[in-house]
PDB file of N, CA and C in Angstrom:
ATOM      1  N   MET A   1      -1.018 -12.795  10.803  1.00  0.00           N
ATOM      2  CA  MET A   1      -1.637 -11.633  10.177  1.00  0.00           C
ATOM      3  C   MET A   1      -1.757 -11.890   8.668  1.00  0.00           C
ATOM      4  N   THR A   2      -2.914 -11.633   8.095  1.00  0.00           N
ATOM      5  CA  THR A   2      -3.083 -11.819   6.651  1.00  0.00           C
ATOM      6  C   THR A   2      -2.310 -10.756   5.890  1.00  0.00           C
ATOM      7  N   ASN A   3      -2.129 -10.985   4.605  1.00  0.00           N
ATOM      8  CA  ASN A   3      -1.424 -10.002   3.783  1.00  0.00           C
ATOM      9  C   ASN A   3      -2.110  -8.645   3.822  1.00  0.00           C
ATOM     10  N   ALA A   4      -3.430  -8.639   3.733  1.00  0.00           N
ATOM     11  CA  ALA A   4      -4.164  -7.372   3.766  1.00  0.00           C
ATOM     12  C   ALA A   4      -4.009  -6.706   5.125  1.00  0.00           C
ATOM     13  N   SER A   5      -4.049  -7.490   6.190  1.00  0.00           N
ATOM     14  CA  SER A   5      -3.891  -6.918   7.536  1.00  0.00           C
ATOM     15  C   SER A   5      -2.515  -6.290   7.705  1.00  0.00           C
ATOM     16  N   ALA A   6      -1.490  -6.981   7.238  1.00  0.00           N
ATOM     17  CA  ALA A   6      -0.129  -6.449   7.347  1.00  0.00           C
ATOM     18  C   ALA A   6       0.024  -5.179   6.518  1.00  0.00           C
ATOM     19  N   ALA A   7      -0.556  -5.179   5.330  1.00  0.00           N
ATOM     20  CA  ALA A   7      -0.468  -4.003   4.465  1.00  0.00           C
ATOM     21  C   ALA A   7      -1.194  -2.812   5.072  1.00  0.00           C
ATOM     22  N   LEU A   8      -2.392  -3.043   5.579  1.00  0.00           N
ATOM     23  CA  LEU A   8      -3.150  -1.946   6.193  1.00  0.00           C
ATOM     24  C   LEU A   8      -2.462  -1.427   7.444  1.00  0.00           C
ATOM     25  N   ALA A   9      -1.875  -2.331   8.230  1.00  0.00           N
ATOM     26  CA  ALA A   9      -1.144  -1.909   9.429  1.00  0.00           C
ATOM     27  C   ALA A   9       0.068  -1.060   9.040  1.00  0.00           C
ATOM     28  N   ALA A  10       0.760  -1.464   7.986  1.00  0.00           N
ATOM     29  CA  ALA A  10       1.928  -0.700   7.531  1.00  0.00           C
ATOM     30  C   ALA A  10       1.521   0.688   7.053  1.00  0.00           C
ATOM     31  N   LEU A  11       0.388   0.774   6.370  1.00  0.00           N
ATOM     32  CA  LEU A  11      -0.061   2.062   5.839  1.00  0.00           C
ATOM     33  C   LEU A  11      -0.745   2.941   6.879  1.00  0.00           C
ATOM     34  N   ALA A  12      -0.928   2.418   8.083  1.00  0.00           N
ATOM     35  CA  ALA A  12      -1.553   3.214   9.144  1.00  0.00           C
ATOM     36  C   ALA A  12      -0.664   4.371   9.580  1.00  0.00           C
ATOM     37  N   ASP A  13       0.631   4.239   9.387  1.00  0.00           N
ATOM     38  CA  ASP A  13       1.564   5.300   9.773  1.00  0.00           C
ATOM     39  C   ASP A  13       1.598   6.366   8.672  1.00  0.00           C
ATOM     40  N   PRO A  14       1.391   7.640   9.031  1.00  0.00           N
ATOM     41  CA  PRO A  14       1.340   8.698   8.005  1.00  0.00           C
ATOM     42  C   PRO A  14       2.634   8.850   7.208  1.00  0.00           C
ATOM     43  N   THR A  15       3.783   8.663   7.839  1.00  0.00           N
ATOM     44  CA  THR A  15       5.050   8.789   7.106  1.00  0.00           C
ATOM     45  C   THR A  15       5.184   7.659   6.101  1.00  0.00           C
ATOM     46  N   ARG A  16       4.828   6.441   6.508  1.00  0.00           N
ATOM     47  CA  ARG A  16       4.891   5.309   5.569  1.00  0.00           C
ATOM     48  C   ARG A  16       3.930   5.522   4.406  1.00  0.00           C
ATOM     49  N   ARG A  17       2.739   6.057   4.695  1.00  0.00           N
ATOM     50  CA  ARG A  17       1.793   6.345   3.621  1.00  0.00           C
ATOM     51  C   ARG A  17       2.390   7.345   2.635  1.00  0.00           C
ATOM     52  N   GLU A  18       3.039   8.374   3.167  1.00  0.00           N
ATOM     53  CA  GLU A  18       3.648   9.390   2.297  1.00  0.00           C
ATOM     54  C   GLU A  18       4.752   8.764   1.441  1.00  0.00           C
ATOM     55  N   VAL A  19       5.587   7.939   2.036  1.00  0.00           N
ATOM     56  CA  VAL A  19       6.649   7.263   1.282  1.00  0.00           C
ATOM     57  C   VAL A  19       6.021   6.390   0.190  1.00  0.00           C
ATOM     58  N   PHE A  20       4.993   5.640   0.559  1.00  0.00           N
ATOM     59  CA  PHE A  20       4.315   4.767  -0.396  1.00  0.00           C
ATOM     60  C   PHE A  20       3.697   5.581  -1.532  1.00  0.00           C
ATOM     61  N   GLU A  21       3.063   6.693  -1.198  1.00  0.00           N
ATOM     62  CA  GLU A  21       2.447   7.548  -2.212  1.00  0.00           C
ATOM     63  C   GLU A  21       3.485   8.135  -3.157  1.00  0.00           C
ATOM     64  N   ARG A  22       4.678   8.390  -2.656  1.00  0.00           N
ATOM     65  CA  ARG A  22       5.743   8.923  -3.510  1.00  0.00           C
ATOM     66  C   ARG A  22       6.192   7.896  -4.544  1.00  0.00           C
ATOM     67  N   LEU A  23       5.906   6.637  -4.308  1.00  0.00           N
ATOM     68  CA  LEU A  23       6.289   5.583  -5.249  1.00  0.00           C
ATOM     69  C   LEU A  23       5.249   5.382  -6.355  1.00  0.00           C
ATOM     70  N   ARG A  24       4.133   6.062  -6.283  1.00  0.00           N
ATOM     71  CA  ARG A  24       3.074   5.849  -7.274  1.00  0.00           C
ATOM     72  C   ARG A  24       3.519   6.207  -8.687  1.00  0.00           C
ATOM     73  N   ASN A  25       4.459   7.123  -8.818  1.00  0.00           N
ATOM     74  CA  ASN A  25       4.921   7.542 -10.147  1.00  0.00           C
ATOM     75  C   ASN A  25       6.095   6.729 -10.661  1.00  0.00           C
ATOM     76  N   GLY A  26       6.471   5.691  -9.942  1.00  0.00           N
ATOM     77  CA  GLY A  26       7.545   4.820 -10.410  1.00  0.00           C
ATOM     78  C   GLY A  26       8.637   4.633  -9.375  1.00  0.00           C
ATOM     79  N   PRO A  27       9.601   3.776  -9.713  1.00  0.00           N
ATOM     80  CA  PRO A  27      10.688   3.438  -8.789  1.00  0.00           C
ATOM     81  C   PRO A  27      11.505   4.659  -8.386  1.00  0.00           C
ATOM     82  N   ARG A  28      11.938   4.647  -7.112  1.00  0.00           N
ATOM     83  CA  ARG A  28      12.761   5.749  -6.605  1.00  0.00           C
ATOM     84  C   ARG A  28      13.749   5.218  -5.585  1.00  0.00           C
ATOM     85  N   ALA A  29      14.875   5.872  -5.503  1.00  0.00           N
ATOM     86  CA  ALA A  29      15.898   5.526  -4.516  1.00  0.00           C
ATOM     87  C   ALA A  29      15.527   6.140  -3.163  1.00  0.00           C
ATOM     88  N   VAL A  30      16.122   5.596  -2.115  1.00  0.00           N
ATOM     89  CA  VAL A  30      15.824   6.052  -0.758  1.00  0.00           C
ATOM     90  C   VAL A  30      16.071   7.552  -0.617  1.00  0.00           C
ATOM     91  N   GLY A  31      17.183   8.032  -1.142  1.00  0.00           N
ATOM     92  CA  GLY A  31      17.500   9.453  -1.035  1.00  0.00           C
ATOM     93  C   GLY A  31      16.444  10.338  -1.662  1.00  0.00           C
ATOM     94  N   GLU A  32      15.926   9.925  -2.801  1.00  0.00           N
ATOM     95  CA  GLU A  32      14.859  10.686  -3.466  1.00  0.00           C
ATOM     96  C   GLU A  32      13.585  10.672  -2.622  1.00  0.00           C
ATOM     97  N   LEU A  33      13.273   9.519  -2.068  1.00  0.00           N
ATOM     98  CA  LEU A  33      12.064   9.397  -1.248  1.00  0.00           C
ATOM     99  C   LEU A  33      12.159  10.249   0.017  1.00  0.00           C
ATOM    100  N   ALA A  34      13.356  10.377   0.556  1.00  0.00           N
ATOM    101  CA  ALA A  34      13.550  11.094   1.820  1.00  0.00           C
ATOM    102  C   ALA A  34      13.486  12.610   1.657  1.00  0.00           C
ATOM    103  N   GLN A  35      13.713  13.112   0.437  1.00  0.00           N
ATOM    104  CA  GLN A  35      13.737  14.559   0.224  1.00  0.00           C
ATOM    105  C   GLN A  35      12.413  15.189   0.622  1.00  0.00           C
ATOM    106  N   GLY A  36      12.500  16.185   1.500  1.00  0.00           N
ATOM    107  CA  GLY A  36      11.327  16.932   1.918  1.00  0.00           C
ATOM    108  C   GLY A  36      10.520  16.297   3.030  1.00  0.00           C
ATOM    109  N   LEU A  37      10.904  15.123   3.473  1.00  0.00           N
ATOM    110  CA  LEU A  37      10.198  14.499   4.592  1.00  0.00           C
ATOM    111  C   LEU A  37      10.794  14.972   5.911  1.00  0.00           C
ATOM    112  N   PRO A  38       9.991  15.024   6.947  1.00  0.00           N
ATOM    113  CA  PRO A  38      10.494  15.505   8.241  1.00  0.00           C
ATOM    114  C   PRO A  38      11.229  14.437   9.053  1.00  0.00           C
ATOM    115  N   VAL A  39      11.684  13.373   8.372  1.00  0.00           N
ATOM    116  CA  VAL A  39      12.435  12.315   9.052  1.00  0.00           C
ATOM    117  C   VAL A  39      13.747  12.093   8.307  1.00  0.00           C
ATOM    118  N   SER A  40      14.690  11.450   8.965  1.00  0.00           N
ATOM    119  CA  SER A  40      16.001  11.220   8.370  1.00  0.00           C
ATOM    120  C   SER A  40      15.953  10.138   7.291  1.00  0.00           C
ATOM    121  N   ARG A  41      17.001  10.082   6.522  1.00  0.00           N
ATOM    122  CA  ARG A  41      17.119   9.054   5.494  1.00  0.00           C
ATOM    123  C   ARG A  41      17.114   7.649   6.105  1.00  0.00           C
ATOM    124  N   PRO A  42      17.848   7.415   7.210  1.00  0.00           N
ATOM    125  CA  PRO A  42      17.766   6.095   7.847  1.00  0.00           C
ATOM    126  C   PRO A  42      16.350   5.749   8.315  1.00  0.00           C
ATOM    127  N   ALA A  43      15.601   6.750   8.756  1.00  0.00           N
ATOM    128  CA  ALA A  43      14.216   6.507   9.171  1.00  0.00           C
ATOM    129  C   ALA A  43      13.367   6.100   7.964  1.00  0.00           C
ATOM    130  N   VAL A  44      13.603   6.731   6.819  1.00  0.00           N
ATOM    131  CA  VAL A  44      12.884   6.363   5.601  1.00  0.00           C
ATOM    132  C   VAL A  44      13.222   4.925   5.237  1.00  0.00           C
ATOM    133  N   SER A  45      14.474   4.535   5.391  1.00  0.00           N
ATOM    134  CA  SER A  45      14.867   3.148   5.121  1.00  0.00           C
ATOM    135  C   SER A  45      14.125   2.185   6.034  1.00  0.00           C
ATOM    136  N   GLN A  46      13.955   2.568   7.292  1.00  0.00           N
ATOM    137  CA  GLN A  46      13.208   1.717   8.225  1.00  0.00           C
ATOM    138  C   GLN A  46      11.737   1.618   7.810  1.00  0.00           C
ATOM    139  N   HIS A  47      11.152   2.721   7.391  1.00  0.00           N
ATOM    140  CA  HIS A  47       9.767   2.698   6.920  1.00  0.00           C
ATOM    141  C   HIS A  47       9.640   1.811   5.679  1.00  0.00           C
ATOM    142  N   LEU A  48      10.613   1.889   4.785  1.00  0.00           N
ATOM    143  CA  LEU A  48      10.593   1.050   3.594  1.00  0.00           C
ATOM    144  C   LEU A  48      10.708  -0.431   3.953  1.00  0.00           C
ATOM    145  N   ALA A  49      11.480  -0.727   4.996  1.00  0.00           N
ATOM    146  CA  ALA A  49      11.602  -2.118   5.449  1.00  0.00           C
ATOM    147  C   ALA A  49      10.258  -2.645   5.929  1.00  0.00           C
ATOM    148  N   VAL A  50       9.495  -1.806   6.615  1.00  0.00           N
ATOM    149  CA  VAL A  50       8.155  -2.211   7.080  1.00  0.00           C
ATOM    150  C   VAL A  50       7.238  -2.424   5.882  1.00  0.00           C
ATOM    151  N   LEU A  51       7.281  -1.509   4.917  1.00  0.00           N
ATOM    152  CA  LEU A  51       6.455  -1.646   3.719  1.00  0.00           C
ATOM    153  C   LEU A  51       6.830  -2.910   2.936  1.00  0.00           C
ATOM    154  N   LYS A  52       8.116  -3.202   2.888  1.00  0.00           N
ATOM    155  CA  LYS A  52       8.577  -4.404   2.189  1.00  0.00           C
ATOM    156  C   LYS A  52       8.116  -5.658   2.931  1.00  0.00           C
ATOM    157  N   SER A  53       8.226  -5.650   4.237  1.00  0.00           N
ATOM    158  CA  SER A  53       7.790  -6.780   5.051  1.00  0.00           C
ATOM    159  C   SER A  53       6.293  -7.031   4.887  1.00  0.00           C
ATOM    160  N   ALA A  54       5.537  -5.975   4.673  1.00  0.00           N
ATOM    161  CA  ALA A  54       4.089  -6.084   4.490  1.00  0.00           C
ATOM    162  C   ALA A  54       3.726  -6.474   3.057  1.00  0.00           C
ATOM    163  N   GLY A  55       4.720  -6.580   2.191  1.00  0.00           N
ATOM    164  CA  GLY A  55       4.468  -6.977   0.812  1.00  0.00           C
ATOM    165  C   GLY A  55       4.020  -5.858  -0.099  1.00  0.00           C
ATOM    166  N   LEU A  56       4.208  -4.617   0.322  1.00  0.00           N
ATOM    167  CA  LEU A  56       3.745  -3.479  -0.473  1.00  0.00           C
ATOM    168  C   LEU A  56       4.784  -2.940  -1.446  1.00  0.00           C
ATOM    169  N   VAL A  57       6.068  -3.157  -1.150  1.00  0.00           N
ATOM    170  CA  VAL A  57       7.122  -2.681  -2.042  1.00  0.00           C
ATOM    171  C   VAL A  57       8.164  -3.777  -2.241  1.00  0.00           C
ATOM    172  N   VAL A  58       8.869  -3.661  -3.341  1.00  0.00           N
ATOM    173  CA  VAL A  58      10.022  -4.508  -3.618  1.00  0.00           C
ATOM    174  C   VAL A  58      11.191  -3.580  -3.917  1.00  0.00           C
ATOM    175  N   ASP A  59      12.386  -4.099  -3.804  1.00  0.00           N
ATOM    176  CA  ASP A  59      13.560  -3.274  -4.068  1.00  0.00           C
ATOM    177  C   ASP A  59      14.586  -4.066  -4.869  1.00  0.00           C
ATOM    178  N   HIS A  60      15.497  -3.311  -5.460  1.00  0.00           N
ATOM    179  CA  HIS A  60      16.627  -3.912  -6.160  1.00  0.00           C
ATOM    180  C   HIS A  60      17.799  -2.946  -6.089  1.00  0.00           C
ATOM    181  N   ALA A  61      18.977  -3.486  -6.287  1.00  0.00           N
ATOM    182  CA  ALA A  61      20.188  -2.666  -6.235  1.00  0.00           C
ATOM    183  C   ALA A  61      20.453  -2.040  -7.593  1.00  0.00           C
ATOM    184  N   GLU A  62      20.856  -0.786  -7.549  1.00  0.00           N
ATOM    185  CA  GLU A  62      21.369  -0.082  -8.727  1.00  0.00           C
ATOM    186  C   GLU A  62      22.665   0.564  -8.277  1.00  0.00           C
ATOM    187  N   GLY A  63      23.752  -0.129  -8.508  1.00  0.00           N
ATOM    188  CA  GLY A  63      25.033   0.332  -7.992  1.00  0.00           C
ATOM    189  C   GLY A  63      25.028   0.253  -6.475  1.00  0.00           C
ATOM    190  N   THR A  64      25.257   1.379  -5.839  1.00  0.00           N
ATOM    191  CA  THR A  64      25.268   1.412  -4.370  1.00  0.00           C
ATOM    192  C   THR A  64      23.925   1.829  -3.793  1.00  0.00           C
ATOM    193  N   ARG A  65      22.965   2.094  -4.654  1.00  0.00           N
ATOM    194  CA  ARG A  65      21.650   2.555  -4.187  1.00  0.00           C
ATOM    195  C   ARG A  65      20.639   1.409  -4.178  1.00  0.00           C
ATOM    196  N   ARG A  66      19.662   1.521  -3.287  1.00  0.00           N
ATOM    197  CA  ARG A  66      18.510   0.619  -3.296  1.00  0.00           C
ATOM    198  C   ARG A  66      17.360   1.395  -3.912  1.00  0.00           C
ATOM    199  N   VAL A  67      16.733   0.809  -4.895  1.00  0.00           N
ATOM    200  CA  VAL A  67      15.613   1.448  -5.577  1.00  0.00           C
ATOM    201  C   VAL A  67      14.358   0.649  -5.245  1.00  0.00           C
ATOM    202  N   TYR A  68      13.327   1.355  -4.821  1.00  0.00           N
ATOM    203  CA  TYR A  68      12.078   0.730  -4.387  1.00  0.00           C
ATOM    204  C   TYR A  68      10.968   1.046  -5.373  1.00  0.00           C
ATOM    205  N   GLN A  69      10.015   0.115  -5.448  1.00  0.00           N
ATOM    206  CA  GLN A  69       8.814   0.342  -6.247  1.00  0.00           C
ATOM    207  C   GLN A  69       7.660  -0.411  -5.604  1.00  0.00           C
ATOM    208  N   ILE A  70       6.461   0.010  -5.948  1.00  0.00           N
ATOM    209  CA  ILE A  70       5.257  -0.636  -5.421  1.00  0.00           C
ATOM    210  C   ILE A  70       5.163  -2.048  -5.985  1.00  0.00           C
ATOM    211  N   ASP A  71       4.785  -2.979  -5.125  1.00  0.00           N
ATOM    212  CA  ASP A  71       4.559  -4.363  -5.531  1.00  0.00           C
ATOM    213  C   ASP A  71       3.064  -4.535  -5.797  1.00  0.00           C
ATOM    214  N   PRO A  72       2.662  -4.730  -7.050  1.00  0.00           N
ATOM    215  CA  PRO A  72       1.235  -4.854  -7.364  1.00  0.00           C
ATOM    216  C   PRO A  72       0.543  -6.003  -6.617  1.00  0.00           C
ATOM    217  N   GLN A  73       1.276  -7.056  -6.287  1.00  0.00           N
ATOM    218  CA  GLN A  73       0.664  -8.156  -5.551  1.00  0.00           C
ATOM    219  C   GLN A  73       0.225  -7.716  -4.158  1.00  0.00           C
ATOM    220  N   GLY A  74       0.992  -6.856  -3.514  1.00  0.00           N
ATOM    221  CA  GLY A  74       0.608  -6.331  -2.204  1.00  0.00           C
ATOM    222  C   GLY A  74      -0.663  -5.507  -2.286  1.00  0.00           C
ATOM    223  N   LEU A  75      -0.761  -4.711  -3.336  1.00  0.00           N
ATOM    224  CA  LEU A  75      -1.988  -3.941  -3.541  1.00  0.00           C
ATOM    225  C   LEU A  75      -3.156  -4.865  -3.849  1.00  0.00           C
ATOM    226  N   GLY A  76      -2.879  -5.965  -4.522  1.00  0.00           N
ATOM    227  CA  GLY A  76      -3.922  -6.936  -4.830  1.00  0.00           C
ATOM    228  C   GLY A  76      -4.547  -7.521  -3.573  1.00  0.00           C
ATOM    229  N   ALA A  77      -3.733  -7.735  -2.547  1.00  0.00           N
ATOM    230  CA  ALA A  77      -4.256  -8.273  -1.290  1.00  0.00           C
ATOM    231  C   ALA A  77      -5.214  -7.284  -0.640  1.00  0.00           C
ATOM    232  N   ILE A  78      -4.873  -5.999  -0.674  1.00  0.00           N
ATOM    233  CA  ILE A  78      -5.759  -4.977  -0.105  1.00  0.00           C
ATOM    234  C   ILE A  78      -7.040  -4.889  -0.934  1.00  0.00           C
ATOM    235  N   ARG A  79      -6.886  -4.909  -2.237  1.00  0.00           N
ATOM    236  CA  ARG A  79      -8.060  -4.812  -3.108  1.00  0.00           C
ATOM    237  C   ARG A  79      -8.996  -5.993  -2.897  1.00  0.00           C
ATOM    238  N   ALA A  80      -8.447  -7.198  -2.784  1.00  0.00           N
ATOM    239  CA  ALA A  80      -9.278  -8.385  -2.562  1.00  0.00           C
ATOM    240  C   ALA A  80     -10.034  -8.260  -1.249  1.00  0.00           C
ATOM    241  N   TRP A  81      -9.374  -7.727  -0.233  1.00  0.00           N
ATOM    242  CA  TRP A  81     -10.024  -7.545   1.065  1.00  0.00           C
ATOM    243  C   TRP A  81     -11.162  -6.534   0.950  1.00  0.00           C
ATOM    244  N   LEU A  82     -10.913  -5.427   0.260  1.00  0.00           N
ATOM    245  CA  LEU A  82     -11.949  -4.407   0.082  1.00  0.00           C
ATOM    246  C   LEU A  82     -13.086  -4.895  -0.803  1.00  0.00           C
ATOM    247  N   ASP A  83     -12.760  -5.705  -1.799  1.00  0.00           N
ATOM    248  CA  ASP A  83     -13.782  -6.196  -2.718  1.00  0.00           C
ATOM    249  C   ASP A  83     -14.864  -6.998  -2.011  1.00  0.00           C
ATOM    250  N   GLN A  84     -14.499  -7.689  -0.933  1.00  0.00           N
ATOM    251  CA  GLN A  84     -15.525  -8.461  -0.235  1.00  0.00           C
ATOM    252  C   GLN A  84     -16.620  -7.552   0.328  1.00  0.00           C
ATOM    253  N   PHE A  85     -16.245  -6.355   0.738  1.00  0.00           N
ATOM    254  CA  PHE A  85     -17.237  -5.397   1.235  1.00  0.00           C
ATOM    255  C   PHE A  85     -18.036  -4.814   0.080  1.00  0.00           C
ATOM    256  N   TRP A  86     -17.371  -4.541  -1.016  1.00  0.00           N
ATOM    257  CA  TRP A  86     -18.031  -4.002  -2.188  1.00  0.00           C
ATOM    258  C   TRP A  86     -19.045  -5.010  -2.721  1.00  0.00           C
ATOM    259  N   ASP A  87     -18.649  -6.277  -2.779  1.00  0.00           N
ATOM    260  CA  ASP A  87     -19.560  -7.319  -3.264  1.00  0.00           C
ATOM    261  C   ASP A  87     -20.804  -7.406  -2.385  1.00  0.00           C
ATOM    262  N   THR A  88     -20.623  -7.306  -1.075  1.00  0.00           N
ATOM    263  CA  THR A  88     -21.754  -7.346  -0.145  1.00  0.00           C
ATOM    264  C   THR A  88     -22.659  -6.137  -0.352  1.00  0.00           C
ATOM    265  N   ALA A  89     -22.083  -4.979  -0.516  1.00  0.00           N
ATOM    266  CA  ALA A  89     -22.874  -3.759  -0.729  1.00  0.00           C
ATOM    267  C   ALA A  89     -23.653  -3.839  -2.039  1.00  0.00           C
ATOM    268  N   LEU A  90     -23.018  -4.341  -3.090  1.00  0.00           N
ATOM    269  CA  LEU A  90     -23.717  -4.470  -4.368  1.00  0.00           C
ATOM    270  C   LEU A  90     -24.855  -5.476  -4.287  1.00  0.00           C
ATOM    271  N   ALA A  91     -24.636  -6.574  -3.577  1.00  0.00           N
ATOM    272  CA  ALA A  91     -25.690  -7.581  -3.416  1.00  0.00           C
ATOM    273  C   ALA A  91     -26.875  -6.996  -2.651  1.00  0.00           C
ATOM    274  N   ALA A  92     -26.596  -6.224  -1.612  1.00  0.00           N
ATOM    275  CA  ALA A  92     -27.675  -5.594  -0.838  1.00  0.00           C
ATOM    276  C   ALA A  92     -28.430  -4.585  -1.698  1.00  0.00           C
ATOM    277  N   PHE A  93     -27.713  -3.831  -2.505  1.00  0.00           N
ATOM    278  CA  PHE A  93     -28.345  -2.865  -3.401  1.00  0.00           C
ATOM    279  C   PHE A  93     -29.240  -3.584  -4.412  1.00  0.00           C
ATOM    280  N   ALA A  94     -28.721  -4.667  -5.018  1.00  0.00           N
ATOM    281  CA  ALA A  94     -29.496  -5.429  -5.998  1.00  0.00           C
ATOM    282  C   ALA A  94     -30.761  -6.005  -5.352  1.00  0.00           C
ATOM    283  N   ALA A  95     -30.628  -6.518  -4.132  1.00  0.00           N
ATOM    284  CA  ALA A  95     -31.802  -7.067  -3.448  1.00  0.00           C
ATOM    285  C   ALA A  95     -32.852  -5.990  -3.190  1.00  0.00           C
ATOM    286  N   GLU A  96     -32.409  -4.803  -2.849  1.00  0.00           N
ATOM    287  CA  GLU A  96     -33.332  -3.684  -2.582  1.00  0.00           C
ATOM    288  C   GLU A  96     -34.044  -3.265  -3.860  1.00  0.00           C
ATOM    289  N   VAL A  97     -33.300  -3.177  -4.946  1.00  0.00           N
ATOM    290  CA  VAL A  97     -33.861  -2.754  -6.225  1.00  0.00           C
ATOM    291  C   VAL A  97     -34.854  -3.793  -6.746  1.00  0.00           C
ATOM    292  N   GLU A  98     -34.581  -5.051  -6.489  1.00  0.00           N
ATOM    293  CA  GLU A  98     -35.427  -6.120  -7.018  1.00  0.00           C
ATOM    294  C   GLU A  98     -36.647  -6.417  -6.144  1.00  0.00           C
ATOM    295  N   LYS A  99     -36.790  -5.743  -5.011  1.00  0.00           N
ATOM    296  CA  LYS A  99     -37.960  -5.925  -4.164  1.00  0.00           C
ATOM    297  C   LYS A  99     -39.220  -5.483  -4.893  1.00  0.00           C
ATOM    298  N   PRO A 100     -40.300  -6.255  -4.762  1.00  0.00           N
ATOM    299  CA  PRO A 100     -41.547  -5.799  -5.370  1.00  0.00           C
ATOM    300  C   PRO A 100     -42.052  -4.548  -4.644  1.00  0.00           C
ATOM    301  N   ASP A 101     -42.711  -3.681  -5.380  1.00  0.00           N
ATOM    302  CA  ASP A 101     -43.267  -2.463  -4.760  1.00  0.00           C
ATOM    303  C   ASP A 101     -44.299  -2.847  -3.714  1.00  0.00           C
ATOM    304  N   ALA A 102     -44.241  -2.160  -2.601  1.00  0.00           N
ATOM    305  CA  ALA A 102     -45.191  -2.478  -1.506  1.00  0.00           C
ATOM    306  C   ALA A 102     -46.468  -1.709  -1.663  1.00  0.00           C
TER     307      ALA A 102
END
């Protein structure tokens, strides 16, 4: 599975997407991420493990806590995958605009 495929598969789950979106404002500990979610803290840890495996987040220890943050390289893989479609769409648009009037 490519990096983009793994990342998109990981984000297909709504709970993982919510956890990932909660990281947009900066690093957070598992307990903070779990607050208000309809799943347990251990379940959030499992979701974070999937996101980490997909290359979307990284973590580090702060005392006894694990703090997670978005990994920009993981987002880069998704962006590169999406850019190929954008490049194709722009090329098609340019070709249409440059057509001589009929």
